[in-house]
Amino acid sequence: AVLLKDAIQPNLVQTLENNPAFVHGGPFANIAHGCNSVVATTTALKLADYVVTEAGFGADLGAEKFFDIKCRKAGLKPAAAVIVATVRAMKMNGGVKKEDLGKENIEAVKKGCLNLGRHIENVHQFGVPVVVAINHFTTDTEAEIRALKDFVASMGADAILCKHWAQGSAGIEDLAHRVVKLAESGASQFSPLYPDEMPLFEKVNTIVKRIYRGDEAIADKSIRDQLHAWEQAGYGNLPVCMAKTQYSFSTDPNLRGAPTGHTVPVREVRLSAGAGFVVIICGEIMTMPGLPKAPSSEKIFLNEQGQIEGLF
C-alpha cells in the first residue's frame, strides 16, 4: 500500500535519448499478463504518433496475453509486431550448451530457427504483420546472421540487424523505418484467438493447441468443476492467463525448439476478478519467484509526514 501511494499513476521516465516512456505495471509474462497497464498505453496513444508496448518473454506468452487479454479489454488494435531474437537464442534452441554459445555454429542456428518460426506463425494467427529484430552480439558471425535472415525471409517476413546497445537509436533506425512502414500499410487485421463466450477450459485448450501446438490440456475434475462454478457465477466471459515456463512451448523447460504433441497439465486455477482474467497454472511454475524469507516490504512504511521510509 505504501508503494502504491506514488505508483497508482503511470510513471513518466525517459530514455537515454530523451524519448518519453511510461513504466506502469509490467508483471512477468510467465506468471501474469506480461505487459504494462491499459492506462499507460491509452495515455501514450494520445501523446505520440507511434506507441510500442513491450510484452514479456516469448510470443507464446507475452504477445498472446497482450493480444488476448489487454487488447481485448482495452479495445486496442495493434498495427504491427516486433519479435526480438538473437543468434545465441537460435543456437540454444538448436541444442547448443550455454557455455558454447559464443562459437560459430550455423547448423544449430538453422535448427533453432524452428522456434522463431513458431513465434512468427503465432503472431500471424492474430492477423498482425511481423518484423524480426536481431539483437546483435559481438560474437555473432556474418554467416550466422545470414542464416537467421534467410530463414525469416522464408517465413515471409524481414529480419533486421539491430545494434542499439552500441550505437543508440542510430543502430536501430532501419528497424524503426520498417515498423512505421508496416504500421502504415493497413495490413493488420487483428482479432483475438478466441471469443469471450467460449467456455473457460475450451479457451485453455485453444491456446494449448494453436499457440503451444500441444495435443490437449489435462486437468483433474476438481479443477474443471471450479472453472464451471466460475462460469455459473458470471465469470465465464473472462480471458485466461496461462502461467507456464518461459523456456519452452511445452511445460518442460528442457524441451527446446518447436515441440508438438505434448500435453499441458493444469495444476491449479485462480480467479483474478478485479484484473479481469482467470489464471491457469501449468506444470512446475513458481508464481512468486525470487522472494526472500524477509522481504523488503516488512521495513517499508509511511512516517508521520506522509513520506516513505525504508525503501532503500
C-alpha atoms as a PDB file:
ATOM      1  CA  ALA A   1       0.000   0.000   0.000  1.00  0.00           C
ATOM      2  CA  VAL A   2       2.890   2.351   0.761  1.00  0.00           C
ATOM      3  CA  LEU A   3       4.403   1.762  -2.660  1.00  0.00           C
ATOM      4  CA  LEU A   4       1.035   2.210  -4.386  1.00  0.00           C
ATOM      5  CA  LYS A   5       0.705   5.701  -2.876  1.00  0.00           C
ATOM      6  CA  ASP A   6       3.009   7.056  -5.596  1.00  0.00           C
ATOM      7  CA  ALA A   7       2.677   4.256  -8.145  1.00  0.00           C
ATOM      8  CA  ILE A   8      -1.034   4.456  -8.921  1.00  0.00           C
ATOM      9  CA  GLN A   9      -0.389   6.878 -11.810  1.00  0.00           C
ATOM     10  CA  PRO A  10       1.787   5.952 -14.821  1.00  0.00           C
ATOM     11  CA  ASN A  11       5.414   6.840 -14.115  1.00  0.00           C
ATOM     12  CA  LEU A  12       6.843   9.068 -16.864  1.00  0.00           C
ATOM     13  CA  VAL A  13      10.529   8.370 -17.479  1.00  0.00           C
ATOM     14  CA  GLN A  14      12.844   8.996 -20.415  1.00  0.00           C
ATOM     15  CA  THR A  15      15.303   7.013 -22.453  1.00  0.00           C
ATOM     16  CA  LEU A  16      18.972   7.976 -22.822  1.00  0.00           C
ATOM     17  CA  GLU A  17      17.949   9.907 -25.961  1.00  0.00           C
ATOM     18  CA  ASN A  18      15.074  11.720 -24.242  1.00  0.00           C
ATOM     19  CA  ASN A  19      12.178   9.717 -25.640  1.00  0.00           C
ATOM     20  CA  PRO A  20       9.234   9.553 -23.211  1.00  0.00           C
ATOM     21  CA  ALA A  21       8.267   6.186 -21.743  1.00  0.00           C
ATOM     22  CA  PHE A  22       5.648   5.080 -19.244  1.00  0.00           C
ATOM     23  CA  VAL A  23       6.529   2.485 -16.622  1.00  0.00           C
ATOM     24  CA  HIS A  24       3.293   1.229 -15.126  1.00  0.00           C
ATOM     25  CA  GLY A  25       2.687  -2.352 -14.098  1.00  0.00           C
ATOM     26  CA  GLY A  26       4.662  -4.758 -16.239  1.00  0.00           C
ATOM     27  CA  PRO A  27       4.446  -8.123 -14.446  1.00  0.00           C
ATOM     28  CA  PHE A  28       6.243 -11.236 -15.700  1.00  0.00           C
ATOM     29  CA  ALA A  29       4.545 -12.881 -18.680  1.00  0.00           C
ATOM     30  CA  ASN A  30       5.297 -16.392 -17.445  1.00  0.00           C
ATOM     31  CA  ILE A  31       3.038 -15.976 -14.394  1.00  0.00           C
ATOM     32  CA  ALA A  32       0.871 -12.947 -15.234  1.00  0.00           C
ATOM     33  CA  HIS A  33      -0.218 -10.838 -18.232  1.00  0.00           C
ATOM     34  CA  GLY A  34       3.280  -9.609 -19.036  1.00  0.00           C
ATOM     35  CA  CYS A  35       2.668  -6.041 -20.206  1.00  0.00           C
ATOM     36  CA  ASN A  36       2.118  -2.575 -18.820  1.00  0.00           C
ATOM     37  CA  SER A  37      -1.226  -1.075 -17.832  1.00  0.00           C
ATOM     38  CA  VAL A  38      -4.096  -0.107 -20.111  1.00  0.00           C
ATOM     39  CA  VAL A  39      -3.950   3.396 -18.568  1.00  0.00           C
ATOM     40  CA  ALA A  40      -0.326   3.870 -19.660  1.00  0.00           C
ATOM     41  CA  THR A  41      -0.926   2.648 -23.222  1.00  0.00           C
ATOM     42  CA  THR A  42      -4.128   4.618 -23.811  1.00  0.00           C
ATOM     43  CA  THR A  43      -2.450   7.749 -22.415  1.00  0.00           C
ATOM     44  CA  ALA A  44       0.588   7.249 -24.663  1.00  0.00           C
ATOM     45  CA  LEU A  45      -1.642   6.803 -27.719  1.00  0.00           C
ATOM     46  CA  LYS A  46      -2.944  10.345 -27.167  1.00  0.00           C
ATOM     47  CA  LEU A  47       0.551  11.805 -26.936  1.00  0.00           C
ATOM     48  CA  ALA A  48       2.586  10.192 -29.726  1.00  0.00           C
ATOM     49  CA  ASP A  49       2.396   9.051 -33.346  1.00  0.00           C
ATOM     50  CA  TYR A  50       3.635   5.548 -32.508  1.00  0.00           C
ATOM     51  CA  VAL A  51       3.410   3.644 -29.238  1.00  0.00           C
ATOM     52  CA  VAL A  52       5.420   0.494 -28.525  1.00  0.00           C
ATOM     53  CA  THR A  53       4.330  -1.904 -25.796  1.00  0.00           C
ATOM     54  CA  GLU A  54       6.781  -4.493 -24.510  1.00  0.00           C
ATOM     55  CA  ALA A  55       5.110  -7.853 -23.940  1.00  0.00           C
ATOM     56  CA  GLY A  56       7.482 -10.066 -21.981  1.00  0.00           C
ATOM     57  CA  PHE A  57       9.170 -13.374 -22.806  1.00  0.00           C
ATOM     58  CA  GLY A  58       8.288 -15.345 -25.958  1.00  0.00           C
ATOM     59  CA  ALA A  59       5.356 -14.542 -28.226  1.00  0.00           C
ATOM     60  CA  ASP A  60       3.608 -17.654 -26.846  1.00  0.00           C
ATOM     61  CA  LEU A  61       3.368 -15.799 -23.515  1.00  0.00           C
ATOM     62  CA  GLY A  62       3.720 -12.004 -23.710  1.00  0.00           C
ATOM     63  CA  ALA A  63       2.230 -11.469 -27.166  1.00  0.00           C
ATOM     64  CA  GLU A  64      -0.608 -13.966 -26.652  1.00  0.00           C
ATOM     65  CA  LYS A  65      -1.588 -12.264 -23.396  1.00  0.00           C
ATOM     66  CA  PHE A  66      -1.181  -8.753 -24.810  1.00  0.00           C
ATOM     67  CA  PHE A  67      -3.484  -9.680 -27.699  1.00  0.00           C
ATOM     68  CA  ASP A  68      -5.990 -11.913 -25.906  1.00  0.00           C
ATOM     69  CA  ILE A  69      -6.227 -10.051 -22.592  1.00  0.00           C
ATOM     70  CA  LYS A  70      -5.081  -6.431 -22.835  1.00  0.00           C
ATOM     71  CA  CYS A  71      -6.104  -5.609 -26.422  1.00  0.00           C
ATOM     72  CA  ARG A  72      -9.455  -7.344 -25.903  1.00  0.00           C
ATOM     73  CA  LYS A  73     -10.173  -5.443 -22.672  1.00  0.00           C
ATOM     74  CA  ALA A  74      -8.934  -2.056 -23.897  1.00  0.00           C
ATOM     75  CA  GLY A  75     -10.216  -2.216 -27.468  1.00  0.00           C
ATOM     76  CA  LEU A  76      -6.674  -1.861 -28.844  1.00  0.00           C
ATOM     77  CA  LYS A  77      -5.864  -2.843 -32.427  1.00  0.00           C
ATOM     78  CA  PRO A  78      -2.098  -3.286 -32.838  1.00  0.00           C
ATOM     79  CA  ALA A  79      -0.778  -2.329 -36.275  1.00  0.00           C
ATOM     80  CA  ALA A  80       2.465  -4.345 -36.242  1.00  0.00           C
ATOM     81  CA  ALA A  81       4.559  -6.643 -34.064  1.00  0.00           C
ATOM     82  CA  VAL A  82       8.312  -6.793 -33.498  1.00  0.00           C
ATOM     83  CA  ILE A  83       9.725 -10.168 -32.466  1.00  0.00           C
ATOM     84  CA  VAL A  84      13.136  -9.772 -30.846  1.00  0.00           C
ATOM     85  CA  ALA A  85      15.532 -12.657 -31.493  1.00  0.00           C
ATOM     86  CA  THR A  86      19.217 -13.365 -31.014  1.00  0.00           C
ATOM     87  CA  VAL A  87      21.620 -15.673 -32.806  1.00  0.00           C
ATOM     88  CA  ARG A  88      22.515 -17.053 -29.370  1.00  0.00           C
ATOM     89  CA  ALA A  89      18.884 -17.978 -28.685  1.00  0.00           C
ATOM     90  CA  MET A  90      18.661 -19.762 -32.017  1.00  0.00           C
ATOM     91  CA  LYS A  91      21.770 -21.783 -31.140  1.00  0.00           C
ATOM     92  CA  MET A  92      20.407 -22.615 -27.697  1.00  0.00           C
ATOM     93  CA  ASN A  93      17.141 -23.835 -29.240  1.00  0.00           C
ATOM     94  CA  GLY A  94      19.294 -25.778 -31.685  1.00  0.00           C
ATOM     95  CA  GLY A  95      20.810 -27.758 -28.816  1.00  0.00           C
ATOM     96  CA  VAL A  96      23.978 -25.791 -28.015  1.00  0.00           C
ATOM     97  CA  LYS A  97      25.040 -25.548 -24.362  1.00  0.00           C
ATOM     98  CA  LYS A  98      25.188 -22.101 -22.764  1.00  0.00           C
ATOM     99  CA  GLU A  99      28.989 -22.116 -22.421  1.00  0.00           C
ATOM    100  CA  ASP A 100      29.359 -22.822 -26.158  1.00  0.00           C
ATOM    101  CA  LEU A 101      27.057 -20.097 -27.482  1.00  0.00           C
ATOM    102  CA  GLY A 102      29.974 -17.838 -28.433  1.00  0.00           C
ATOM    103  CA  LYS A 103      31.294 -20.307 -31.027  1.00  0.00           C
ATOM    104  CA  GLU A 104      30.060 -20.235 -34.626  1.00  0.00           C
ATOM    105  CA  ASN A 105      27.510 -22.982 -35.295  1.00  0.00           C
ATOM    106  CA  ILE A 106      25.448 -22.310 -38.415  1.00  0.00           C
ATOM    107  CA  GLU A 107      23.658 -25.664 -38.325  1.00  0.00           C
ATOM    108  CA  ALA A 108      22.482 -25.025 -34.761  1.00  0.00           C
ATOM    109  CA  VAL A 109      21.194 -21.582 -35.829  1.00  0.00           C
ATOM    110  CA  LYS A 110      19.189 -23.173 -38.643  1.00  0.00           C
ATOM    111  CA  LYS A 111      17.835 -25.877 -36.338  1.00  0.00           C
ATOM    112  CA  GLY A 112      16.909 -23.367 -33.622  1.00  0.00           C
ATOM    113  CA  CYS A 113      15.133 -21.103 -36.119  1.00  0.00           C
ATOM    114  CA  LEU A 114      12.185 -23.505 -35.971  1.00  0.00           C
ATOM    115  CA  ASN A 115      11.428 -21.950 -32.590  1.00  0.00           C
ATOM    116  CA  LEU A 116      11.444 -18.436 -34.086  1.00  0.00           C
ATOM    117  CA  GLY A 117       9.285 -19.663 -36.968  1.00  0.00           C
ATOM    118  CA  ARG A 118       6.683 -20.843 -34.480  1.00  0.00           C
ATOM    119  CA  HIS A 119       6.600 -17.395 -32.876  1.00  0.00           C
ATOM    120  CA  ILE A 120       6.152 -15.739 -36.283  1.00  0.00           C
ATOM    121  CA  GLU A 121       3.287 -18.120 -37.118  1.00  0.00           C
ATOM    122  CA  ASN A 122       1.674 -17.474 -33.734  1.00  0.00           C
ATOM    123  CA  VAL A 123       1.644 -13.696 -34.156  1.00  0.00           C
ATOM    124  CA  HIS A 124       0.274 -14.092 -37.690  1.00  0.00           C
ATOM    125  CA  GLN A 125      -2.633 -16.089 -36.209  1.00  0.00           C
ATOM    126  CA  PHE A 126      -3.809 -12.834 -34.617  1.00  0.00           C
ATOM    127  CA  GLY A 127      -3.739 -11.099 -38.009  1.00  0.00           C
ATOM    128  CA  VAL A 128      -0.793  -8.858 -37.120  1.00  0.00           C
ATOM    129  CA  PRO A 129       2.178  -8.360 -39.526  1.00  0.00           C
ATOM    130  CA  VAL A 130       5.637  -9.133 -38.137  1.00  0.00           C
ATOM    131  CA  VAL A 131       9.200  -7.856 -38.405  1.00  0.00           C
ATOM    132  CA  VAL A 132      12.062  -9.638 -36.620  1.00  0.00           C
ATOM    133  CA  ALA A 133      14.681  -7.574 -34.770  1.00  0.00           C
ATOM    134  CA  ILE A 134      18.016  -9.387 -34.432  1.00  0.00           C
ATOM    135  CA  ASN A 135      19.511  -8.143 -31.164  1.00  0.00           C
ATOM    136  CA  HIS A 136      23.204  -8.190 -32.112  1.00  0.00           C
ATOM    137  CA  PHE A 137      26.010  -9.702 -30.044  1.00  0.00           C
ATOM    138  CA  THR A 138      29.705  -9.205 -30.877  1.00  0.00           C
ATOM    139  CA  THR A 139      30.158 -12.987 -31.089  1.00  0.00           C
ATOM    140  CA  ASP A 140      27.596 -13.286 -33.919  1.00  0.00           C
ATOM    141  CA  THR A 141      29.231 -14.152 -37.242  1.00  0.00           C
ATOM    142  CA  GLU A 142      28.129 -12.938 -40.672  1.00  0.00           C
ATOM    143  CA  ALA A 143      27.218 -16.495 -41.690  1.00  0.00           C
ATOM    144  CA  GLU A 144      25.044 -16.996 -38.603  1.00  0.00           C
ATOM    145  CA  ILE A 145      23.241 -13.702 -39.155  1.00  0.00           C
ATOM    146  CA  ARG A 146      22.692 -14.595 -42.820  1.00  0.00           C
ATOM    147  CA  ALA A 147      21.232 -17.982 -41.862  1.00  0.00           C
ATOM    148  CA  LEU A 148      18.785 -16.294 -39.483  1.00  0.00           C
ATOM    149  CA  LYS A 149      17.806 -13.653 -42.066  1.00  0.00           C
ATOM    150  CA  ASP A 150      17.308 -16.292 -44.769  1.00  0.00           C
ATOM    151  CA  PHE A 151      15.028 -18.338 -42.513  1.00  0.00           C
ATOM    152  CA  VAL A 152      12.874 -15.329 -41.605  1.00  0.00           C
ATOM    153  CA  ALA A 153      12.615 -14.423 -45.304  1.00  0.00           C
ATOM    154  CA  SER A 154      11.348 -17.955 -45.989  1.00  0.00           C
ATOM    155  CA  MET A 155       8.574 -17.216 -43.461  1.00  0.00           C
ATOM    156  CA  GLY A 156       7.505 -14.144 -45.453  1.00  0.00           C
ATOM    157  CA  ALA A 157       8.965 -11.579 -43.050  1.00  0.00           C
ATOM    158  CA  ASP A 158      12.070  -9.397 -42.731  1.00  0.00           C
ATOM    159  CA  ALA A 159      14.832  -9.728 -40.125  1.00  0.00           C
ATOM    160  CA  ILE A 160      16.807  -6.559 -39.395  1.00  0.00           C
ATOM    161  CA  LEU A 161      20.120  -6.426 -37.526  1.00  0.00           C
ATOM    162  CA  CYS A 162      19.940  -4.064 -34.542  1.00  0.00           C
ATOM    163  CA  LYS A 163      22.969  -2.550 -32.758  1.00  0.00           C
ATOM    164  CA  HIS A 164      21.224  -0.074 -30.441  1.00  0.00           C
ATOM    165  CA  TRP A 165      23.216  -1.452 -27.466  1.00  0.00           C
ATOM    166  CA  ALA A 166      26.318   0.152 -29.029  1.00  0.00           C
ATOM    167  CA  GLN A 167      25.015   2.920 -31.300  1.00  0.00           C
ATOM    168  CA  GLY A 168      21.796   4.062 -29.649  1.00  0.00           C
ATOM    169  CA  SER A 169      18.913   4.883 -31.972  1.00  0.00           C
ATOM    170  CA  ALA A 170      21.265   5.076 -34.960  1.00  0.00           C
ATOM    171  CA  GLY A 171      21.801   1.336 -34.605  1.00  0.00           C
ATOM    172  CA  ILE A 172      18.107   0.581 -34.874  1.00  0.00           C
ATOM    173  CA  GLU A 173      16.986   3.136 -37.449  1.00  0.00           C
ATOM    174  CA  ASP A 174      16.361   0.549 -40.166  1.00  0.00           C
ATOM    175  CA  LEU A 175      14.017  -1.337 -37.842  1.00  0.00           C
ATOM    176  CA  ALA A 176      12.148   1.851 -36.948  1.00  0.00           C
ATOM    177  CA  HIS A 177      11.512   2.641 -40.620  1.00  0.00           C
ATOM    178  CA  ARG A 178      10.321  -0.927 -41.218  1.00  0.00           C
ATOM    179  CA  VAL A 179       7.923  -0.788 -38.260  1.00  0.00           C
ATOM    180  CA  VAL A 180       6.473   2.510 -39.487  1.00  0.00           C
ATOM    181  CA  LYS A 181       6.024   1.060 -42.967  1.00  0.00           C
ATOM    182  CA  LEU A 182       4.240  -1.991 -41.561  1.00  0.00           C
ATOM    183  CA  ALA A 183       2.075   0.083 -39.234  1.00  0.00           C
ATOM    184  CA  GLU A 184       1.045   2.450 -42.030  1.00  0.00           C
ATOM    185  CA  SER A 185       0.402  -0.341 -44.549  1.00  0.00           C
ATOM    186  CA  GLY A 186      -3.001  -1.218 -43.106  1.00  0.00           C
ATOM    187  CA  ALA A 187      -2.054  -4.898 -43.315  1.00  0.00           C
ATOM    188  CA  SER A 188      -3.106  -5.645 -39.746  1.00  0.00           C
ATOM    189  CA  GLN A 189      -6.410  -7.498 -39.421  1.00  0.00           C
ATOM    190  CA  PHE A 190      -6.212  -8.010 -35.679  1.00  0.00           C
ATOM    191  CA  SER A 191      -8.575 -10.269 -33.794  1.00  0.00           C
ATOM    192  CA  PRO A 192      -8.142 -12.234 -30.545  1.00  0.00           C
ATOM    193  CA  LEU A 193      -7.658 -16.007 -30.680  1.00  0.00           C
ATOM    194  CA  TYR A 194     -10.975 -16.927 -29.065  1.00  0.00           C
ATOM    195  CA  PRO A 195     -14.368 -15.276 -28.412  1.00  0.00           C
ATOM    196  CA  ASP A 196     -15.486 -14.094 -24.957  1.00  0.00           C
ATOM    197  CA  GLU A 197     -18.353 -16.570 -24.833  1.00  0.00           C
ATOM    198  CA  MET A 198     -16.176 -19.679 -25.275  1.00  0.00           C
ATOM    199  CA  PRO A 199     -16.122 -21.845 -22.078  1.00  0.00           C
ATOM    200  CA  LEU A 200     -13.014 -21.308 -19.931  1.00  0.00           C
ATOM    201  CA  PHE A 201     -11.450 -24.741 -20.394  1.00  0.00           C
ATOM    202  CA  GLU A 202     -12.043 -24.501 -24.143  1.00  0.00           C
ATOM    203  CA  LYS A 203     -10.099 -21.226 -24.101  1.00  0.00           C
ATOM    204  CA  VAL A 204      -7.228 -23.029 -22.385  1.00  0.00           C
ATOM    205  CA  ASN A 205      -7.312 -25.828 -24.962  1.00  0.00           C
ATOM    206  CA  THR A 206      -7.423 -23.313 -27.805  1.00  0.00           C
ATOM    207  CA  ILE A 207      -4.164 -21.743 -26.589  1.00  0.00           C
ATOM    208  CA  VAL A 208      -2.581 -25.166 -25.974  1.00  0.00           C
ATOM    209  CA  LYS A 209      -3.411 -26.401 -29.469  1.00  0.00           C
ATOM    210  CA  ARG A 210      -2.933 -23.257 -31.557  1.00  0.00           C
ATOM    211  CA  ILE A 211      -0.107 -21.457 -29.719  1.00  0.00           C
ATOM    212  CA  TYR A 212       1.807 -24.226 -27.897  1.00  0.00           C
ATOM    213  CA  ARG A 213       0.996 -26.872 -30.581  1.00  0.00           C
ATOM    214  CA  GLY A 214       0.177 -29.380 -27.850  1.00  0.00           C
ATOM    215  CA  ASP A 215      -2.438 -32.137 -28.094  1.00  0.00           C
ATOM    216  CA  GLU A 216      -4.551 -31.009 -25.149  1.00  0.00           C
ATOM    217  CA  ALA A 217      -4.679 -29.540 -21.670  1.00  0.00           C
ATOM    218  CA  ILE A 218      -5.322 -32.054 -18.895  1.00  0.00           C
ATOM    219  CA  ALA A 219      -6.896 -31.178 -15.541  1.00  0.00           C
ATOM    220  CA  ASP A 220      -8.457 -33.001 -12.597  1.00  0.00           C
ATOM    221  CA  LYS A 221     -12.226 -32.990 -12.236  1.00  0.00           C
ATOM    222  CA  SER A 222     -11.935 -30.603  -9.262  1.00  0.00           C
ATOM    223  CA  ILE A 223     -10.253 -28.005 -11.477  1.00  0.00           C
ATOM    224  CA  ARG A 224     -12.834 -28.378 -14.244  1.00  0.00           C
ATOM    225  CA  ASP A 225     -15.603 -28.109 -11.633  1.00  0.00           C
ATOM    226  CA  GLN A 226     -14.032 -24.903 -10.291  1.00  0.00           C
ATOM    227  CA  LEU A 227     -13.958 -23.368 -13.783  1.00  0.00           C
ATOM    228  CA  HIS A 228     -17.584 -24.408 -14.311  1.00  0.00           C
ATOM    229  CA  ALA A 229     -18.594 -22.836 -10.991  1.00  0.00           C
ATOM    230  CA  TRP A 230     -16.968 -19.550 -12.025  1.00  0.00           C
ATOM    231  CA  GLU A 231     -18.843 -19.697 -15.308  1.00  0.00           C
ATOM    232  CA  GLN A 232     -22.095 -20.151 -13.391  1.00  0.00           C
ATOM    233  CA  ALA A 233     -21.153 -17.157 -11.219  1.00  0.00           C
ATOM    234  CA  GLY A 234     -20.783 -14.941 -14.311  1.00  0.00           C
ATOM    235  CA  TYR A 235     -17.018 -15.077 -14.911  1.00  0.00           C
ATOM    236  CA  GLY A 236     -17.120 -17.322 -17.972  1.00  0.00           C
ATOM    237  CA  ASN A 237     -16.566 -14.415 -20.373  1.00  0.00           C
ATOM    238  CA  LEU A 238     -13.140 -13.593 -18.906  1.00  0.00           C
ATOM    239  CA  PRO A 239      -9.958 -14.354 -20.861  1.00  0.00           C
ATOM    240  CA  VAL A 240      -7.474 -16.894 -19.476  1.00  0.00           C
ATOM    241  CA  CYS A 241      -3.936 -16.055 -18.346  1.00  0.00           C
ATOM    242  CA  MET A 242      -1.603 -19.036 -18.663  1.00  0.00           C
ATOM    243  CA  ALA A 243       1.154 -19.416 -16.027  1.00  0.00           C
ATOM    244  CA  LYS A 244       3.800 -21.549 -17.732  1.00  0.00           C
ATOM    245  CA  THR A 245       7.567 -21.859 -18.111  1.00  0.00           C
ATOM    246  CA  GLN A 246       9.094 -19.312 -20.489  1.00  0.00           C
ATOM    247  CA  TYR A 247      11.782 -21.734 -21.664  1.00  0.00           C
ATOM    248  CA  SER A 248       9.626 -23.948 -23.879  1.00  0.00           C
ATOM    249  CA  PHE A 249       6.364 -24.125 -25.809  1.00  0.00           C
ATOM    250  CA  SER A 250       5.625 -27.078 -23.513  1.00  0.00           C
ATOM    251  CA  THR A 251       5.608 -27.150 -19.698  1.00  0.00           C
ATOM    252  CA  ASP A 252       9.027 -28.869 -19.732  1.00  0.00           C
ATOM    253  CA  PRO A 253      11.727 -26.138 -19.590  1.00  0.00           C
ATOM    254  CA  ASN A 254      14.243 -28.508 -21.176  1.00  0.00           C
ATOM    255  CA  LEU A 255      12.130 -29.178 -24.288  1.00  0.00           C
ATOM    256  CA  ARG A 256      13.569 -26.630 -26.718  1.00  0.00           C
ATOM    257  CA  GLY A 257      12.866 -25.855 -30.358  1.00  0.00           C
ATOM    258  CA  ALA A 258       9.326 -26.263 -31.684  1.00  0.00           C
ATOM    259  CA  PRO A 259       7.846 -29.348 -29.978  1.00  0.00           C
ATOM    260  CA  THR A 260       4.431 -30.748 -30.917  1.00  0.00           C
ATOM    261  CA  GLY A 261       2.136 -33.389 -29.485  1.00  0.00           C
ATOM    262  CA  HIS A 262       2.769 -32.659 -25.801  1.00  0.00           C
ATOM    263  CA  THR A 263       0.103 -32.384 -23.113  1.00  0.00           C
ATOM    264  CA  VAL A 264      -0.184 -29.364 -20.822  1.00  0.00           C
ATOM    265  CA  PRO A 265      -1.085 -30.299 -17.227  1.00  0.00           C
ATOM    266  CA  VAL A 266      -3.185 -27.703 -15.364  1.00  0.00           C
ATOM    267  CA  ARG A 267      -2.188 -27.802 -11.681  1.00  0.00           C
ATOM    268  CA  GLU A 268      -4.362 -25.022 -10.295  1.00  0.00           C
ATOM    269  CA  VAL A 269      -6.714 -22.223 -11.347  1.00  0.00           C
ATOM    270  CA  ARG A 270      -7.162 -18.806  -9.723  1.00  0.00           C
ATOM    271  CA  LEU A 271      -9.791 -16.150 -10.344  1.00  0.00           C
ATOM    272  CA  SER A 272      -8.419 -12.606 -10.672  1.00  0.00           C
ATOM    273  CA  ALA A 273     -11.837 -10.967 -10.806  1.00  0.00           C
ATOM    274  CA  GLY A 274     -10.547  -7.417 -10.298  1.00  0.00           C
ATOM    275  CA  ALA A 275      -7.918  -7.687 -13.013  1.00  0.00           C
ATOM    276  CA  GLY A 276     -10.427  -9.454 -15.264  1.00  0.00           C
ATOM    277  CA  PHE A 277      -8.894 -12.819 -16.089  1.00  0.00           C
ATOM    278  CA  VAL A 278      -8.606 -16.407 -14.865  1.00  0.00           C
ATOM    279  CA  VAL A 279      -5.059 -17.627 -14.115  1.00  0.00           C
ATOM    280  CA  ILE A 280      -4.300 -21.165 -15.322  1.00  0.00           C
ATOM    281  CA  ILE A 281      -1.231 -22.587 -13.550  1.00  0.00           C
ATOM    282  CA  CYS A 282       0.501 -25.207 -15.691  1.00  0.00           C
ATOM    283  CA  GLY A 283       3.291 -27.607 -14.761  1.00  0.00           C
ATOM    284  CA  GLU A 284       6.033 -26.659 -12.300  1.00  0.00           C
ATOM    285  CA  ILE A 285       5.945 -22.866 -12.309  1.00  0.00           C
ATOM    286  CA  MET A 286       6.567 -20.633  -9.276  1.00  0.00           C
ATOM    287  CA  THR A 287       4.139 -17.717  -9.165  1.00  0.00           C
ATOM    288  CA  MET A 288       6.238 -15.782  -6.621  1.00  0.00           C
ATOM    289  CA  PRO A 289       9.811 -16.108  -7.915  1.00  0.00           C
ATOM    290  CA  GLY A 290      12.821 -14.819  -6.030  1.00  0.00           C
ATOM    291  CA  LEU A 291      11.076 -13.552  -2.876  1.00  0.00           C
ATOM    292  CA  PRO A 292      13.414 -13.664   0.161  1.00  0.00           C
ATOM    293  CA  LYS A 293      12.376 -15.016   3.572  1.00  0.00           C
ATOM    294  CA  ALA A 294      12.349 -11.451   4.919  1.00  0.00           C
ATOM    295  CA  PRO A 295      11.107  -9.250   2.030  1.00  0.00           C
ATOM    296  CA  SER A 296      11.874  -5.520   1.957  1.00  0.00           C
ATOM    297  CA  SER A 297       8.164  -4.731   2.314  1.00  0.00           C
ATOM    298  CA  GLU A 298       8.441  -5.581   6.031  1.00  0.00           C
ATOM    299  CA  LYS A 299      10.652  -2.487   6.510  1.00  0.00           C
ATOM    300  CA  ILE A 300       8.755  -0.035   4.285  1.00  0.00           C
ATOM    301  CA  PHE A 301       6.292   2.382   5.913  1.00  0.00           C
ATOM    302  CA  LEU A 302       4.864   5.911   5.798  1.00  0.00           C
ATOM    303  CA  ASN A 303       6.142   8.225   8.536  1.00  0.00           C
ATOM    304  CA  GLU A 304       4.086  10.933  10.251  1.00  0.00           C
ATOM    305  CA  GLN A 305       4.904  13.404   7.462  1.00  0.00           C
ATOM    306  CA  GLY A 306       3.430  11.016   4.871  1.00  0.00           C
ATOM    307  CA  GLN A 307       6.862  10.258   3.401  1.00  0.00           C
ATOM    308  CA  ILE A 308       8.093   6.779   2.533  1.00  0.00           C
ATOM    309  CA  GLU A 309      10.819   5.305   4.728  1.00  0.00           C
ATOM    310  CA  GLY A 310      12.707   2.029   4.397  1.00  0.00           C
ATOM    311  CA  LEU A 311      12.614   1.849   0.596  1.00  0.00           C
ATOM    312  CA  PHE A 312      16.413   1.526   0.331  1.00  0.00           C
END
